[in-house]
Amino acid sequence: MGVVVGIYRLALAAITFLALFWAPSTGVTFDIEDYVYFTNQSNLLLAVVMLWGGLTVLARRVEPPPWLFGAVTLFILITGLVSYFILDPAPPGEEVVALGLTHDQLVHRLTPIAAFVHYLLMVPHRRLRIRNAAYWLLYPVAYCAFTTVRGVLSPGSAYPYGFIDVSELGYGGLLLNVVIYGIGFFVLGLALVGIDRLLPAQPIIGRRVPEPTPRAPLVPAE
């Protein structure tokens, strides 16, 4: 079953890289400005981790740690949920990239669903703690700080998303949004940790991995 997991991870990495770096009309493309967007950053992180995980499982090497799979799953779920509930839909007429799907559909719909299925079925569980959800939150907060500093230092640059556009919201509005979204993302991270605690310790699909060694209880000195 490790082969199935490896192929799944490599296929997910391949389709994500394809969505990020290729279009039928232009061929291979790369623009550093595209990676100001959380969507592209989270998809790139997912692709790299899935490539790493796919190669290691096929080579029977040590796989990426469960907390890292949890992190990229959280980030890509944030991408999917924000796209679905907050952002305006993509304009019609976007060209199909692969699997009959457009770029927007691949990076906002397919990869979040595929990553969540992977997290449920192909990752060892009962390794995460509440502190992992707190650590994961550092990246979205750092992203908001990055876009704010970029906007201040480069006034002509457009903010990637309206809900972090300090030129429209002001610093008070930005801080309020950071708190609101931060709480929402933390709750989503806690949900992933909760799912981790409920699922079997060994992956449902894939090779067995060593169980974490339980900590010995502290014995007071006599």
N, C-alpha and C. Protein backbone atom coordinates (compact mmCIF):
# COMPACT_ATOMS: atom_id res chain seq x y z
N MET A 1 0.82 -1.22 0.00
CA MET A 1 0.00 0.00 0.00
C MET A 1 0.85 1.27 0.00
N GLY A 2 2.13 1.11 0.38
CA GLY A 2 3.01 2.26 0.33
C GLY A 2 3.15 2.79 -1.09
N VAL A 3 3.09 1.90 -2.07
CA VAL A 3 3.19 2.33 -3.47
C VAL A 3 2.00 3.22 -3.83
N VAL A 4 0.82 2.85 -3.34
CA VAL A 4 -0.38 3.65 -3.61
C VAL A 4 -0.22 5.05 -3.04
N VAL A 5 0.29 5.13 -1.82
CA VAL A 5 0.50 6.43 -1.19
C VAL A 5 1.54 7.24 -1.96
N GLY A 6 2.63 6.58 -2.35
CA GLY A 6 3.66 7.29 -3.10
C GLY A 6 3.15 7.84 -4.41
N ILE A 7 2.40 7.02 -5.14
CA ILE A 7 1.85 7.47 -6.42
C ILE A 7 0.86 8.61 -6.21
N TYR A 8 0.03 8.49 -5.18
CA TYR A 8 -0.95 9.55 -4.89
C TYR A 8 -0.24 10.87 -4.61
N ARG A 9 0.78 10.82 -3.76
CA ARG A 9 1.51 12.04 -3.41
C ARG A 9 2.21 12.65 -4.62
N LEU A 10 2.85 11.81 -5.42
CA LEU A 10 3.54 12.33 -6.59
C LEU A 10 2.56 12.89 -7.61
N ALA A 11 1.40 12.24 -7.76
CA ALA A 11 0.39 12.75 -8.69
C ALA A 11 -0.15 14.10 -8.21
N LEU A 12 -0.37 14.21 -6.90
CA LEU A 12 -0.86 15.49 -6.37
C LEU A 12 0.20 16.57 -6.53
N ALA A 13 1.47 16.22 -6.28
CA ALA A 13 2.55 17.19 -6.50
C ALA A 13 2.61 17.61 -7.96
N ALA A 14 2.49 16.65 -8.86
CA ALA A 14 2.60 16.95 -10.29
C ALA A 14 1.48 17.86 -10.76
N ILE A 15 0.25 17.57 -10.36
CA ILE A 15 -0.88 18.38 -10.82
C ILE A 15 -0.81 19.78 -10.23
N THR A 16 -0.27 19.89 -9.00
CA THR A 16 -0.13 21.21 -8.38
C THR A 16 0.95 22.02 -9.07
N PHE A 17 2.11 21.40 -9.33
CA PHE A 17 3.16 22.10 -10.07
C PHE A 17 2.65 22.52 -11.45
N LEU A 18 1.88 21.65 -12.08
CA LEU A 18 1.33 21.97 -13.41
C LEU A 18 0.43 23.20 -13.33
N ALA A 19 -0.44 23.21 -12.32
CA ALA A 19 -1.36 24.34 -12.17
C ALA A 19 -0.61 25.64 -11.90
N LEU A 20 0.51 25.55 -11.19
CA LEU A 20 1.26 26.75 -10.82
C LEU A 20 2.14 27.28 -11.95
N PHE A 21 2.71 26.38 -12.74
CA PHE A 21 3.79 26.78 -13.65
C PHE A 21 3.51 26.53 -15.13
N TRP A 22 2.29 26.14 -15.48
CA TRP A 22 2.03 25.85 -16.89
C TRP A 22 0.61 26.26 -17.26
N ALA A 23 0.48 26.74 -18.49
CA ALA A 23 -0.84 27.06 -19.06
C ALA A 23 -0.81 26.69 -20.54
N PRO A 24 -1.91 26.16 -21.08
CA PRO A 24 -1.91 25.74 -22.48
C PRO A 24 -1.55 26.86 -23.45
N SER A 25 -1.95 28.08 -23.14
CA SER A 25 -1.73 29.17 -24.09
C SER A 25 -0.32 29.72 -24.05
N THR A 26 0.37 29.57 -22.91
CA THR A 26 1.70 30.19 -22.76
C THR A 26 2.81 29.18 -22.50
N GLY A 27 2.47 27.95 -22.19
CA GLY A 27 3.48 26.97 -21.83
C GLY A 27 3.97 27.19 -20.41
N VAL A 28 5.24 26.88 -20.18
CA VAL A 28 5.81 27.06 -18.84
C VAL A 28 5.91 28.54 -18.53
N THR A 29 5.46 28.92 -17.34
CA THR A 29 5.44 30.33 -16.97
C THR A 29 5.81 30.48 -15.51
N PHE A 30 6.47 31.57 -15.18
CA PHE A 30 6.79 31.88 -13.79
C PHE A 30 6.89 33.38 -13.63
N ASP A 31 6.17 33.91 -12.66
CA ASP A 31 6.22 35.34 -12.33
C ASP A 31 6.28 35.43 -10.82
N ILE A 32 7.36 35.99 -10.29
CA ILE A 32 7.54 36.04 -8.84
C ILE A 32 6.41 36.79 -8.16
N GLU A 33 5.78 37.73 -8.86
CA GLU A 33 4.67 38.48 -8.27
C GLU A 33 3.47 37.58 -7.96
N ASP A 34 3.35 36.47 -8.68
CA ASP A 34 2.24 35.56 -8.41
C ASP A 34 2.33 34.97 -7.00
N TYR A 35 3.53 34.95 -6.43
CA TYR A 35 3.72 34.30 -5.13
C TYR A 35 3.58 35.26 -3.96
N VAL A 36 3.05 36.45 -4.28
CA VAL A 36 2.54 37.32 -3.22
C VAL A 36 1.23 36.74 -2.70
N TYR A 37 0.55 35.95 -3.49
CA TYR A 37 -0.75 35.40 -3.13
C TYR A 37 -0.60 34.16 -2.24
N PHE A 38 -1.38 34.13 -1.17
CA PHE A 38 -1.37 32.98 -0.26
C PHE A 38 -1.77 31.71 -1.00
N THR A 39 -2.67 31.84 -1.96
CA THR A 39 -3.09 30.68 -2.76
C THR A 39 -1.90 29.98 -3.38
N ASN A 40 -1.05 30.73 -4.05
CA ASN A 40 0.08 30.12 -4.73
C ASN A 40 1.15 29.65 -3.75
N GLN A 41 1.35 30.39 -2.67
CA GLN A 41 2.31 29.96 -1.66
C GLN A 41 1.88 28.63 -1.03
N SER A 42 0.62 28.54 -0.65
CA SER A 42 0.15 27.32 0.01
C SER A 42 0.16 26.13 -0.94
N ASN A 43 -0.16 26.36 -2.21
CA ASN A 43 -0.10 25.27 -3.19
C ASN A 43 1.34 24.84 -3.45
N LEU A 44 2.26 25.79 -3.49
CA LEU A 44 3.67 25.44 -3.69
C LEU A 44 4.20 24.63 -2.51
N LEU A 45 3.86 25.04 -1.29
CA LEU A 45 4.27 24.27 -0.11
C LEU A 45 3.71 22.86 -0.16
N LEU A 46 2.45 22.75 -0.53
CA LEU A 46 1.82 21.43 -0.64
C LEU A 46 2.56 20.56 -1.66
N ALA A 47 2.86 21.14 -2.83
CA ALA A 47 3.53 20.37 -3.88
C ALA A 47 4.90 19.88 -3.43
N VAL A 48 5.66 20.74 -2.76
CA VAL A 48 7.00 20.36 -2.31
C VAL A 48 6.93 19.24 -1.28
N VAL A 49 6.02 19.37 -0.31
CA VAL A 49 5.91 18.35 0.73
C VAL A 49 5.40 17.03 0.15
N MET A 50 4.46 17.10 -0.80
CA MET A 50 3.97 15.87 -1.41
C MET A 50 5.04 15.20 -2.28
N LEU A 51 5.85 16.00 -2.96
CA LEU A 51 6.97 15.43 -3.72
C LEU A 51 7.94 14.73 -2.77
N TRP A 52 8.30 15.40 -1.69
CA TRP A 52 9.18 14.82 -0.68
C TRP A 52 8.58 13.54 -0.11
N GLY A 53 7.30 13.61 0.28
CA GLY A 53 6.65 12.45 0.87
C GLY A 53 6.49 11.30 -0.10
N GLY A 54 6.22 11.62 -1.37
CA GLY A 54 6.07 10.55 -2.35
C GLY A 54 7.36 9.83 -2.62
N LEU A 55 8.44 10.58 -2.77
CA LEU A 55 9.74 9.96 -3.04
C LEU A 55 10.23 9.14 -1.85
N THR A 56 10.03 9.64 -0.64
CA THR A 56 10.53 8.92 0.53
C THR A 56 9.76 7.64 0.78
N VAL A 57 8.44 7.66 0.57
CA VAL A 57 7.68 6.44 0.84
C VAL A 57 8.01 5.37 -0.20
N LEU A 58 8.24 5.77 -1.44
CA LEU A 58 8.60 4.79 -2.47
C LEU A 58 10.01 4.25 -2.25
N ALA A 59 10.89 5.09 -1.71
CA ALA A 59 12.26 4.66 -1.44
C ALA A 59 12.40 4.02 -0.06
N ARG A 60 11.29 3.92 0.67
CA ARG A 60 11.30 3.36 2.03
C ARG A 60 12.26 4.12 2.95
N ARG A 61 12.23 5.44 2.81
CA ARG A 61 13.00 6.32 3.69
C ARG A 61 12.06 6.98 4.70
N VAL A 62 12.65 7.75 5.58
CA VAL A 62 11.84 8.44 6.59
C VAL A 62 10.98 9.50 5.91
N GLU A 63 9.70 9.46 6.17
CA GLU A 63 8.76 10.39 5.54
C GLU A 63 8.73 11.72 6.30
N PRO A 64 8.17 12.76 5.69
CA PRO A 64 7.99 14.02 6.41
C PRO A 64 7.19 13.80 7.69
N PRO A 65 7.45 14.58 8.73
CA PRO A 65 6.75 14.37 10.00
C PRO A 65 5.27 14.69 9.89
N PRO A 66 4.43 14.05 10.70
CA PRO A 66 2.99 14.31 10.65
C PRO A 66 2.61 15.76 10.85
N TRP A 67 3.36 16.50 11.70
CA TRP A 67 3.02 17.90 11.91
C TRP A 67 3.17 18.71 10.62
N LEU A 68 4.11 18.32 9.75
CA LEU A 68 4.29 19.03 8.49
C LEU A 68 3.14 18.72 7.53
N PHE A 69 2.72 17.46 7.47
CA PHE A 69 1.54 17.15 6.67
C PHE A 69 0.33 17.91 7.19
N GLY A 70 0.20 17.99 8.52
CA GLY A 70 -0.91 18.75 9.09
C GLY A 70 -0.84 20.21 8.72
N ALA A 71 0.38 20.78 8.73
CA ALA A 71 0.55 22.20 8.41
C ALA A 71 0.12 22.50 6.98
N VAL A 72 0.63 21.74 6.01
CA VAL A 72 0.29 22.05 4.61
C VAL A 72 -1.19 21.77 4.35
N THR A 73 -1.76 20.80 5.07
CA THR A 73 -3.20 20.56 4.92
C THR A 73 -3.99 21.75 5.43
N LEU A 74 -3.59 22.29 6.59
CA LEU A 74 -4.28 23.47 7.11
C LEU A 74 -4.17 24.64 6.14
N PHE A 75 -2.98 24.90 5.64
CA PHE A 75 -2.79 26.07 4.78
C PHE A 75 -3.60 25.95 3.49
N ILE A 76 -3.66 24.75 2.92
CA ILE A 76 -4.40 24.60 1.67
C ILE A 76 -5.90 24.61 1.93
N LEU A 77 -6.33 24.15 3.11
CA LEU A 77 -7.75 24.27 3.46
C LEU A 77 -8.14 25.72 3.66
N ILE A 78 -7.25 26.52 4.25
CA ILE A 78 -7.52 27.95 4.36
C ILE A 78 -7.72 28.55 2.97
N THR A 79 -6.85 28.17 2.03
CA THR A 79 -6.97 28.65 0.65
C THR A 79 -8.34 28.29 0.07
N GLY A 80 -8.74 27.03 0.23
CA GLY A 80 -10.01 26.60 -0.33
C GLY A 80 -11.21 27.28 0.32
N LEU A 81 -11.20 27.39 1.65
CA LEU A 81 -12.35 27.96 2.36
C LEU A 81 -12.47 29.46 2.11
N VAL A 82 -11.33 30.16 2.13
CA VAL A 82 -11.38 31.61 1.85
C VAL A 82 -11.86 31.86 0.42
N SER A 83 -11.39 31.05 -0.52
CA SER A 83 -11.84 31.20 -1.89
C SER A 83 -13.34 30.97 -2.02
N TYR A 84 -13.84 29.95 -1.33
CA TYR A 84 -15.24 29.56 -1.48
C TYR A 84 -16.18 30.56 -0.80
N PHE A 85 -15.80 31.02 0.40
CA PHE A 85 -16.72 31.82 1.19
C PHE A 85 -16.48 33.33 1.11
N ILE A 86 -15.27 33.76 0.71
CA ILE A 86 -14.94 35.18 0.83
C ILE A 86 -14.62 35.83 -0.52
N LEU A 87 -13.77 35.20 -1.31
CA LEU A 87 -13.32 35.83 -2.56
C LEU A 87 -14.40 35.78 -3.63
N ASP A 88 -14.32 36.72 -4.55
CA ASP A 88 -15.22 36.70 -5.70
C ASP A 88 -14.87 35.52 -6.60
N PRO A 89 -15.86 34.93 -7.26
CA PRO A 89 -15.55 33.81 -8.17
C PRO A 89 -14.68 34.26 -9.33
N ALA A 90 -13.94 33.31 -9.87
CA ALA A 90 -13.07 33.62 -11.02
C ALA A 90 -13.93 34.03 -12.20
N PRO A 91 -13.42 34.93 -13.03
CA PRO A 91 -14.18 35.34 -14.22
C PRO A 91 -14.38 34.17 -15.16
N PRO A 92 -15.50 34.15 -15.89
CA PRO A 92 -15.75 33.04 -16.82
C PRO A 92 -14.78 33.08 -17.99
N GLY A 93 -14.63 31.92 -18.62
CA GLY A 93 -13.79 31.85 -19.80
C GLY A 93 -12.35 31.49 -19.54
N GLU A 94 -12.02 31.15 -18.30
CA GLU A 94 -10.64 30.76 -17.98
C GLU A 94 -10.33 29.44 -18.69
N GLU A 95 -9.12 29.33 -19.23
CA GLU A 95 -8.78 28.14 -20.00
C GLU A 95 -8.56 26.93 -19.11
N VAL A 96 -8.87 25.76 -19.67
CA VAL A 96 -8.68 24.50 -18.95
C VAL A 96 -7.20 24.17 -18.93
N VAL A 97 -6.69 23.78 -17.75
CA VAL A 97 -5.27 23.46 -17.60
C VAL A 97 -5.05 21.96 -17.61
N ALA A 98 -5.81 21.22 -16.80
CA ALA A 98 -5.63 19.77 -16.71
C ALA A 98 -6.86 19.17 -16.07
N LEU A 99 -7.11 17.89 -16.39
CA LEU A 99 -8.24 17.14 -15.81
C LEU A 99 -9.58 17.83 -16.05
N GLY A 100 -9.67 18.62 -17.10
CA GLY A 100 -10.90 19.34 -17.40
C GLY A 100 -11.16 20.50 -16.47
N LEU A 101 -10.14 20.92 -15.70
CA LEU A 101 -10.30 21.99 -14.71
C LEU A 101 -9.44 23.18 -15.06
N THR A 102 -9.89 24.36 -14.66
CA THR A 102 -9.12 25.58 -14.86
C THR A 102 -8.10 25.75 -13.73
N HIS A 103 -7.23 26.72 -13.89
CA HIS A 103 -6.25 27.02 -12.84
C HIS A 103 -6.94 27.30 -11.52
N ASP A 104 -7.97 28.13 -11.55
CA ASP A 104 -8.69 28.48 -10.32
C ASP A 104 -9.30 27.24 -9.67
N GLN A 105 -9.89 26.38 -10.45
CA GLN A 105 -10.50 25.16 -9.90
C GLN A 105 -9.45 24.21 -9.33
N LEU A 106 -8.29 24.15 -9.96
CA LEU A 106 -7.23 23.26 -9.47
C LEU A 106 -6.69 23.73 -8.13
N VAL A 107 -6.33 25.03 -8.04
CA VAL A 107 -5.65 25.51 -6.83
C VAL A 107 -6.60 25.87 -5.70
N HIS A 108 -7.88 26.07 -6.01
CA HIS A 108 -8.85 26.44 -4.97
C HIS A 108 -9.81 25.32 -4.59
N ARG A 109 -9.93 24.31 -5.43
CA ARG A 109 -10.90 23.24 -5.17
C ARG A 109 -10.23 21.87 -5.09
N LEU A 110 -9.53 21.49 -6.16
CA LEU A 110 -8.98 20.14 -6.22
C LEU A 110 -7.91 19.90 -5.15
N THR A 111 -6.92 20.79 -5.06
CA THR A 111 -5.82 20.52 -4.13
C THR A 111 -6.27 20.52 -2.67
N PRO A 112 -7.17 21.42 -2.22
CA PRO A 112 -7.63 21.31 -0.84
C PRO A 112 -8.34 19.98 -0.54
N ILE A 113 -9.20 19.53 -1.46
CA ILE A 113 -9.91 18.27 -1.24
C ILE A 113 -8.94 17.10 -1.24
N ALA A 114 -8.03 17.09 -2.22
CA ALA A 114 -7.07 15.98 -2.32
C ALA A 114 -6.14 15.95 -1.11
N ALA A 115 -5.72 17.11 -0.62
CA ALA A 115 -4.84 17.17 0.55
C ALA A 115 -5.57 16.68 1.80
N PHE A 116 -6.84 17.02 1.93
CA PHE A 116 -7.60 16.59 3.11
C PHE A 116 -7.82 15.07 3.09
N VAL A 117 -8.11 14.52 1.92
CA VAL A 117 -8.24 13.07 1.79
C VAL A 117 -6.92 12.39 2.17
N HIS A 118 -5.82 12.96 1.70
CA HIS A 118 -4.50 12.42 2.05
C HIS A 118 -4.29 12.46 3.56
N TYR A 119 -4.65 13.57 4.19
CA TYR A 119 -4.47 13.71 5.64
C TYR A 119 -5.29 12.66 6.40
N LEU A 120 -6.49 12.40 5.95
CA LEU A 120 -7.36 11.43 6.63
C LEU A 120 -6.85 10.00 6.49
N LEU A 121 -6.38 9.64 5.29
CA LEU A 121 -6.14 8.23 4.99
C LEU A 121 -4.68 7.81 4.98
N MET A 122 -3.76 8.72 4.72
CA MET A 122 -2.39 8.31 4.39
C MET A 122 -1.32 8.85 5.34
N VAL A 123 -1.75 9.44 6.44
CA VAL A 123 -0.82 10.04 7.40
C VAL A 123 -0.98 9.33 8.74
N PRO A 124 0.12 9.01 9.44
CA PRO A 124 -0.01 8.47 10.79
C PRO A 124 -0.61 9.51 11.73
N HIS A 125 -1.43 9.06 12.66
CA HIS A 125 -2.14 9.99 13.53
C HIS A 125 -1.79 9.77 15.00
N ARG A 126 -2.47 10.56 15.84
CA ARG A 126 -2.25 10.57 17.29
C ARG A 126 -0.84 11.03 17.64
N ARG A 127 -0.30 11.92 16.81
CA ARG A 127 1.01 12.51 17.06
C ARG A 127 0.93 14.00 17.37
N LEU A 128 -0.20 14.62 17.10
CA LEU A 128 -0.31 16.07 17.19
C LEU A 128 -0.82 16.52 18.55
N ARG A 129 -0.52 17.77 18.88
CA ARG A 129 -0.95 18.38 20.13
C ARG A 129 -1.55 19.75 19.81
N ILE A 130 -2.24 20.32 20.80
CA ILE A 130 -2.85 21.63 20.60
C ILE A 130 -1.81 22.66 20.22
N ARG A 131 -0.60 22.54 20.76
CA ARG A 131 0.45 23.51 20.42
C ARG A 131 0.77 23.51 18.93
N ASN A 132 0.55 22.39 18.24
CA ASN A 132 0.79 22.37 16.80
C ASN A 132 -0.12 23.36 16.09
N ALA A 133 -1.39 23.44 16.51
CA ALA A 133 -2.32 24.39 15.90
C ALA A 133 -1.84 25.82 16.12
N ALA A 134 -1.25 26.09 17.28
CA ALA A 134 -0.72 27.42 17.57
C ALA A 134 0.50 27.71 16.70
N TYR A 135 1.40 26.73 16.56
CA TYR A 135 2.57 26.92 15.72
C TYR A 135 2.17 27.15 14.27
N TRP A 136 1.20 26.39 13.78
CA TRP A 136 0.76 26.54 12.39
C TRP A 136 0.27 27.95 12.11
N LEU A 137 -0.31 28.58 13.12
CA LEU A 137 -0.89 29.91 12.94
C LEU A 137 0.18 30.97 12.65
N LEU A 138 1.44 30.67 12.99
CA LEU A 138 2.50 31.65 12.78
C LEU A 138 2.64 32.02 11.30
N TYR A 139 2.42 31.05 10.42
CA TYR A 139 2.60 31.34 8.99
C TYR A 139 1.54 32.31 8.46
N PRO A 140 0.23 32.08 8.67
CA PRO A 140 -0.74 33.07 8.19
C PRO A 140 -0.52 34.46 8.80
N VAL A 141 -0.13 34.53 10.08
CA VAL A 141 0.12 35.83 10.70
C VAL A 141 1.34 36.49 10.04
N ALA A 142 2.39 35.70 9.81
CA ALA A 142 3.58 36.24 9.14
C ALA A 142 3.23 36.69 7.73
N TYR A 143 2.33 35.98 7.06
CA TYR A 143 1.92 36.37 5.71
C TYR A 143 1.24 37.74 5.74
N CYS A 144 0.36 37.96 6.71
CA CYS A 144 -0.30 39.27 6.82
C CYS A 144 0.72 40.37 7.09
N ALA A 145 1.71 40.07 7.95
CA ALA A 145 2.76 41.06 8.22
C ALA A 145 3.55 41.36 6.95
N PHE A 146 3.85 40.32 6.19
CA PHE A 146 4.61 40.49 4.94
C PHE A 146 3.85 41.39 3.96
N THR A 147 2.57 41.12 3.75
CA THR A 147 1.82 41.92 2.78
C THR A 147 1.67 43.36 3.24
N THR A 148 1.57 43.57 4.57
CA THR A 148 1.46 44.94 5.09
C THR A 148 2.76 45.69 4.88
N VAL A 149 3.88 45.07 5.24
CA VAL A 149 5.18 45.72 5.05
C VAL A 149 5.44 45.98 3.57
N ARG A 150 5.10 45.02 2.73
CA ARG A 150 5.28 45.20 1.28
C ARG A 150 4.46 46.39 0.79
N GLY A 151 3.22 46.51 1.27
CA GLY A 151 2.39 47.63 0.84
C GLY A 151 2.92 48.97 1.30
N VAL A 152 3.48 49.01 2.50
CA VAL A 152 4.03 50.26 3.03
C VAL A 152 5.30 50.66 2.29
N LEU A 153 6.17 49.68 2.03
CA LEU A 153 7.45 49.96 1.38
C LEU A 153 7.31 50.16 -0.12
N SER A 154 6.24 49.61 -0.69
CA SER A 154 6.04 49.71 -2.14
C SER A 154 4.61 50.17 -2.41
N PRO A 155 4.33 51.47 -2.22
CA PRO A 155 2.94 51.97 -2.28
C PRO A 155 2.22 51.66 -3.58
N GLY A 156 2.96 51.48 -4.68
CA GLY A 156 2.30 51.20 -5.95
C GLY A 156 1.83 49.77 -6.09
N SER A 157 2.25 48.90 -5.17
CA SER A 157 1.90 47.49 -5.26
C SER A 157 0.48 47.26 -4.73
N ALA A 158 -0.27 46.46 -5.45
CA ALA A 158 -1.63 46.14 -5.02
C ALA A 158 -1.58 45.11 -3.90
N TYR A 159 -2.49 45.26 -2.94
CA TYR A 159 -2.61 44.25 -1.91
C TYR A 159 -3.27 43.01 -2.51
N PRO A 160 -2.79 41.81 -2.16
CA PRO A 160 -3.31 40.61 -2.82
C PRO A 160 -4.77 40.31 -2.51
N TYR A 161 -5.24 40.71 -1.32
CA TYR A 161 -6.62 40.41 -0.91
C TYR A 161 -7.21 41.63 -0.22
N GLY A 162 -8.48 41.86 -0.48
CA GLY A 162 -9.14 43.03 0.10
C GLY A 162 -9.21 43.02 1.61
N PHE A 163 -9.31 41.83 2.21
CA PHE A 163 -9.46 41.78 3.67
C PHE A 163 -8.16 42.02 4.42
N ILE A 164 -7.04 42.24 3.69
CA ILE A 164 -5.79 42.65 4.33
C ILE A 164 -5.24 43.91 3.67
N ASP A 165 -6.10 44.65 3.01
CA ASP A 165 -5.70 45.87 2.32
C ASP A 165 -5.73 47.03 3.31
N VAL A 166 -4.58 47.36 3.88
CA VAL A 166 -4.53 48.39 4.91
C VAL A 166 -4.85 49.77 4.34
N SER A 167 -4.65 49.97 3.04
CA SER A 167 -4.96 51.26 2.44
C SER A 167 -6.46 51.52 2.45
N GLU A 168 -7.26 50.46 2.44
CA GLU A 168 -8.72 50.59 2.49
C GLU A 168 -9.26 50.42 3.92
N LEU A 169 -8.67 49.51 4.67
CA LEU A 169 -9.20 49.17 5.99
C LEU A 169 -8.66 50.07 7.09
N GLY A 170 -7.44 50.61 6.89
CA GLY A 170 -6.75 51.27 7.98
C GLY A 170 -6.13 50.22 8.89
N TYR A 171 -5.23 50.65 9.76
CA TYR A 171 -4.55 49.68 10.61
C TYR A 171 -5.50 49.05 11.63
N GLY A 172 -6.49 49.81 12.09
CA GLY A 172 -7.46 49.25 13.02
C GLY A 172 -8.28 48.15 12.37
N GLY A 173 -8.74 48.40 11.14
CA GLY A 173 -9.52 47.39 10.42
C GLY A 173 -8.68 46.17 10.09
N LEU A 174 -7.41 46.41 9.72
CA LEU A 174 -6.52 45.28 9.43
C LEU A 174 -6.32 44.43 10.67
N LEU A 175 -6.06 45.07 11.81
CA LEU A 175 -5.84 44.33 13.05
C LEU A 175 -7.09 43.53 13.42
N LEU A 176 -8.26 44.14 13.24
CA LEU A 176 -9.50 43.42 13.54
C LEU A 176 -9.64 42.19 12.66
N ASN A 177 -9.35 42.33 11.38
CA ASN A 177 -9.44 41.18 10.48
C ASN A 177 -8.42 40.11 10.83
N VAL A 178 -7.21 40.53 11.19
CA VAL A 178 -6.19 39.55 11.57
C VAL A 178 -6.66 38.75 12.78
N VAL A 179 -7.27 39.42 13.75
CA VAL A 179 -7.76 38.72 14.94
C VAL A 179 -8.90 37.76 14.58
N ILE A 180 -9.85 38.25 13.78
CA ILE A 180 -11.01 37.42 13.41
C ILE A 180 -10.56 36.20 12.61
N TYR A 181 -9.77 36.44 11.57
CA TYR A 181 -9.32 35.33 10.73
C TYR A 181 -8.36 34.43 11.50
N GLY A 182 -7.54 35.03 12.35
CA GLY A 182 -6.62 34.23 13.15
C GLY A 182 -7.35 33.26 14.06
N ILE A 183 -8.42 33.73 14.68
CA ILE A 183 -9.23 32.84 15.53
C ILE A 183 -9.84 31.73 14.69
N GLY A 184 -10.37 32.10 13.52
CA GLY A 184 -10.96 31.09 12.64
C GLY A 184 -9.96 30.05 12.19
N PHE A 185 -8.76 30.50 11.82
CA PHE A 185 -7.72 29.56 11.37
C PHE A 185 -7.24 28.68 12.52
N PHE A 186 -7.16 29.26 13.73
CA PHE A 186 -6.75 28.47 14.89
C PHE A 186 -7.79 27.39 15.18
N VAL A 187 -9.06 27.74 15.08
CA VAL A 187 -10.12 26.74 15.30
C VAL A 187 -10.03 25.64 14.25
N LEU A 188 -9.76 26.01 13.00
CA LEU A 188 -9.59 25.01 11.95
C LEU A 188 -8.40 24.11 12.25
N GLY A 189 -7.30 24.70 12.74
CA GLY A 189 -6.15 23.90 13.14
C GLY A 189 -6.50 22.95 14.28
N LEU A 190 -7.27 23.44 15.25
CA LEU A 190 -7.70 22.59 16.36
C LEU A 190 -8.57 21.44 15.84
N ALA A 191 -9.38 21.72 14.83
CA ALA A 191 -10.22 20.65 14.26
C ALA A 191 -9.34 19.56 13.64
N LEU A 192 -8.26 19.97 12.96
CA LEU A 192 -7.35 18.97 12.38
C LEU A 192 -6.66 18.17 13.49
N VAL A 193 -6.28 18.83 14.57
CA VAL A 193 -5.68 18.12 15.70
C VAL A 193 -6.70 17.16 16.31
N GLY A 194 -7.95 17.61 16.43
CA GLY A 194 -9.00 16.74 16.97
C GLY A 194 -9.23 15.52 16.10
N ILE A 195 -9.25 15.72 14.78
CA ILE A 195 -9.39 14.59 13.86
C ILE A 195 -8.22 13.64 14.04
N ASP A 196 -7.02 14.21 14.17
CA ASP A 196 -5.82 13.38 14.37
C ASP A 196 -5.96 12.51 15.61
N ARG A 197 -6.54 13.04 16.66
CA ARG A 197 -6.67 12.28 17.92
C ARG A 197 -7.73 11.18 17.81
N LEU A 198 -8.67 11.33 16.88
CA LEU A 198 -9.76 10.35 16.75
C LEU A 198 -9.42 9.21 15.80
N LEU A 199 -8.52 9.45 14.86
CA LEU A 199 -8.22 8.44 13.84
C LEU A 199 -7.22 7.42 14.36
N PRO A 200 -7.14 6.25 13.73
CA PRO A 200 -6.15 5.23 14.15
C PRO A 200 -4.73 5.77 14.06
N ALA A 201 -3.86 5.27 14.94
CA ALA A 201 -2.48 5.74 14.97
C ALA A 201 -1.75 5.44 13.66
N GLN A 202 -2.02 4.29 13.06
CA GLN A 202 -1.37 3.92 11.81
C GLN A 202 -2.20 4.43 10.62
N PRO A 203 -1.53 4.77 9.50
CA PRO A 203 -2.29 5.22 8.33
C PRO A 203 -3.29 4.16 7.87
N ILE A 204 -4.45 4.59 7.44
CA ILE A 204 -5.45 3.66 6.91
C ILE A 204 -4.95 3.06 5.59
N ILE A 205 -4.27 3.87 4.79
CA ILE A 205 -3.63 3.39 3.56
C ILE A 205 -2.15 3.73 3.66
N GLY A 206 -1.29 2.74 3.51
CA GLY A 206 0.14 3.02 3.56
C GLY A 206 0.86 2.09 4.51
N ARG A 207 2.16 2.25 4.59
CA ARG A 207 2.97 1.37 5.42
C ARG A 207 2.88 1.78 6.88
N ARG A 208 3.11 0.83 7.74
CA ARG A 208 3.13 1.10 9.16
C ARG A 208 4.39 1.89 9.52
N VAL A 209 4.23 2.77 10.50
CA VAL A 209 5.36 3.59 10.95
C VAL A 209 5.54 3.38 12.44
N PRO A 210 6.76 3.59 12.95
CA PRO A 210 6.99 3.38 14.38
C PRO A 210 6.10 4.28 15.23
N GLU A 211 5.58 3.70 16.29
CA GLU A 211 4.78 4.47 17.23
C GLU A 211 5.70 5.40 18.02
N PRO A 212 5.21 6.61 18.36
CA PRO A 212 6.04 7.48 19.20
C PRO A 212 6.26 6.86 20.57
N THR A 213 7.47 6.99 21.09
CA THR A 213 7.78 6.43 22.40
C THR A 213 7.14 7.27 23.49
N PRO A 214 6.30 6.67 24.34
CA PRO A 214 5.67 7.47 25.40
C PRO A 214 6.71 7.96 26.39
N ARG A 215 6.47 9.15 26.89
CA ARG A 215 7.40 9.71 27.87
C ARG A 215 7.27 8.99 29.19
N ALA A 216 8.42 8.73 29.80
CA ALA A 216 8.41 8.08 31.12
C ALA A 216 7.93 9.09 32.15
N PRO A 217 7.11 8.65 33.11
CA PRO A 217 6.63 9.58 34.14
C PRO A 217 7.79 10.06 35.01
N LEU A 218 7.68 11.29 35.43
CA LEU A 218 8.71 11.85 36.29
C LEU A 218 8.58 11.27 37.69
N VAL A 219 9.68 10.73 38.18
CA VAL A 219 9.68 10.13 39.52
C VAL A 219 10.43 11.07 40.45
N PRO A 220 9.78 11.56 41.49
CA PRO A 220 10.46 12.48 42.39
C PRO A 220 11.65 11.81 43.05
N ALA A 221 12.72 12.58 43.21
CA ALA A 221 13.92 12.03 43.87
C ALA A 221 13.65 11.77 45.33
N GLU A 222 14.16 10.64 45.81
CA GLU A 222 13.96 10.30 47.21
C GLU A 222 15.04 10.96 48.07
